Amino acid sequence: MINDIRISPHFKLREFQCRCCGLVKLSPRLLQMLEELREEAEIPLVVTSGYRCPAHNRRVGGAPRSLHVEGCAADILAAPEAQKRLFAMAKSVGFSQVICGGFKKYLHLGYKN
């Protein structure tokens, strides 16, 4: 499997690859903050969207200057009832962008360089 490499205690590189082309751009700081959030939350974090190449970002309706394109954002699965708790934890570990997906069951996590 492409990018099936463990890059931290809880994540593999393939979790961050672009869904259309398999390329990866991943900020070490993003990975560190996700690990910190994982440790604090004491639950698995499932990455549903990591890096997006510009073409994929356009296809999914991402913002033109999306942090996903820079490798500085990830979306994780988060049940609506867990989003408020995870929101506060994400802010405490340093994420500057935390957007709740509500009934769509995700949390967008990003930071600006």
Protein backbone atom coordinates (compact mmCIF):
# COMPACT_ATOMS: atom_id res chain seq x y z
CA MET A 1 0.00 0.00 0.00
CA ILE A 2 1.30 3.43 -0.93
CA ASN A 3 2.62 5.58 1.96
CA ASP A 4 1.95 2.82 4.51
CA ILE A 5 4.68 4.16 6.79
CA ARG A 6 4.26 4.91 10.50
CA ILE A 7 5.37 8.51 11.04
CA SER A 8 4.34 8.92 14.68
CA PRO A 9 2.95 6.75 17.48
CA HIS A 10 -0.64 7.06 16.22
CA PHE A 11 -0.49 8.01 12.53
CA LYS A 12 0.67 6.63 9.20
CA LEU A 13 1.69 8.76 6.22
CA ARG A 14 -1.15 7.38 4.07
CA GLU A 15 -3.71 9.05 6.34
CA PHE A 16 -2.50 12.43 5.08
CA GLN A 17 -2.16 11.66 1.37
CA CYS A 18 -4.31 13.35 -1.24
CA ARG A 19 -7.33 11.18 -2.04
CA CYS A 20 -6.96 11.69 -5.80
CA CYS A 21 -3.22 11.46 -6.50
CA GLY A 22 -1.58 9.99 -3.39
CA LEU A 23 0.83 12.90 -2.93
CA VAL A 24 1.58 14.08 0.59
CA LYS A 25 2.56 17.44 1.99
CA LEU A 26 2.58 17.37 5.78
CA SER A 27 3.81 19.95 8.22
CA PRO A 28 5.72 18.39 11.14
CA ARG A 29 3.95 20.89 13.41
CA LEU A 30 0.51 19.62 12.27
CA LEU A 31 1.54 16.07 13.08
CA GLN A 32 2.88 17.10 16.49
CA MET A 33 -0.34 18.93 17.39
CA LEU A 34 -2.48 15.98 16.25
CA GLU A 35 -0.40 13.69 18.47
CA GLU A 36 -0.84 16.08 21.40
CA LEU A 37 -4.60 16.22 20.79
CA ARG A 38 -4.75 12.42 20.54
CA GLU A 39 -2.96 12.06 23.88
CA GLU A 40 -5.14 14.66 25.61
CA ALA A 41 -8.43 13.32 24.19
CA GLU A 42 -7.47 9.69 24.89
CA ILE A 43 -9.41 8.54 21.84
CA PRO A 44 -8.29 7.56 18.33
CA LEU A 45 -8.30 10.37 15.78
CA VAL A 46 -9.35 9.27 12.31
CA VAL A 47 -8.07 11.60 9.59
CA THR A 48 -10.63 11.92 6.79
CA SER A 49 -8.81 14.62 4.82
CA GLY A 50 -5.17 15.63 5.03
CA TYR A 51 -3.23 17.07 2.11
CA ARG A 52 -5.24 18.08 -0.95
CA CYS A 53 -3.53 18.83 -4.24
CA PRO A 54 -4.92 22.03 -5.82
CA ALA A 55 -7.05 20.08 -8.31
CA HIS A 56 -8.62 17.91 -5.60
CA ASN A 57 -9.18 20.93 -3.39
CA ARG A 58 -11.13 22.63 -6.20
CA ARG A 59 -13.18 19.47 -6.86
CA VAL A 60 -14.29 19.21 -3.22
CA GLY A 61 -15.12 22.92 -3.00
CA GLY A 62 -12.21 23.80 -0.70
CA ALA A 63 -11.24 27.40 -0.10
CA PRO A 64 -8.75 28.68 -2.71
CA ARG A 65 -6.19 29.34 0.05
CA SER A 66 -7.04 26.20 2.04
CA LEU A 67 -4.52 25.09 4.64
CA HIS A 68 -5.04 21.54 3.34
CA VAL A 69 -3.12 22.56 0.19
CA GLU A 70 -0.22 23.73 2.35
CA GLY A 71 -0.15 20.53 4.45
CA CYS A 72 -1.18 22.51 7.53
CA ALA A 73 -4.71 21.13 8.06
CA ALA A 74 -6.55 17.89 8.62
CA ASP A 75 -10.16 16.92 9.08
CA ILE A 76 -10.92 14.26 11.67
CA LEU A 77 -14.04 12.24 12.40
CA ALA A 78 -15.90 13.71 15.35
CA ALA A 79 -19.40 12.89 16.48
CA PRO A 80 -21.51 16.02 17.04
CA GLU A 81 -21.63 15.38 20.79
CA ALA A 82 -17.80 15.23 20.98
CA GLN A 83 -17.07 18.31 18.89
CA LYS A 84 -17.33 20.89 21.67
CA ARG A 85 -14.91 18.96 23.89
CA LEU A 86 -12.46 18.38 21.03
CA PHE A 87 -12.78 22.03 19.94
CA ALA A 88 -11.50 23.24 23.33
CA MET A 89 -8.69 20.68 23.39
CA ALA A 90 -7.61 21.53 19.84
CA LYS A 91 -7.35 25.22 20.74
CA SER A 92 -5.31 24.34 23.84
CA VAL A 93 -2.70 22.41 21.81
CA GLY A 94 -2.23 25.29 19.35
CA PHE A 95 -4.64 24.91 16.43
CA SER A 96 -5.64 28.37 15.16
CA GLN A 97 -8.37 27.00 12.87
CA VAL A 98 -10.94 24.71 14.48
CA ILE A 99 -14.22 24.35 12.61
CA CYS A 100 -16.99 22.04 13.72
CA GLY A 101 -18.76 20.12 10.98
CA GLY A 102 -21.86 19.56 13.13
CA PHE A 103 -24.09 16.84 11.73
CA LYS A 104 -21.44 16.09 9.07
CA LYS A 105 -19.41 14.52 11.90
CA TYR A 106 -16.02 16.10 11.37
CA LEU A 107 -13.72 18.67 12.91
CA HIS A 108 -11.39 20.75 10.71
CA LEU A 109 -8.04 21.43 12.38
CA GLY A 110 -5.44 23.77 10.96
CA TYR A 111 -2.82 26.36 11.78
CA LYS A 112 -1.29 29.20 9.84
CA ASN A 113 2.48 29.24 9.36
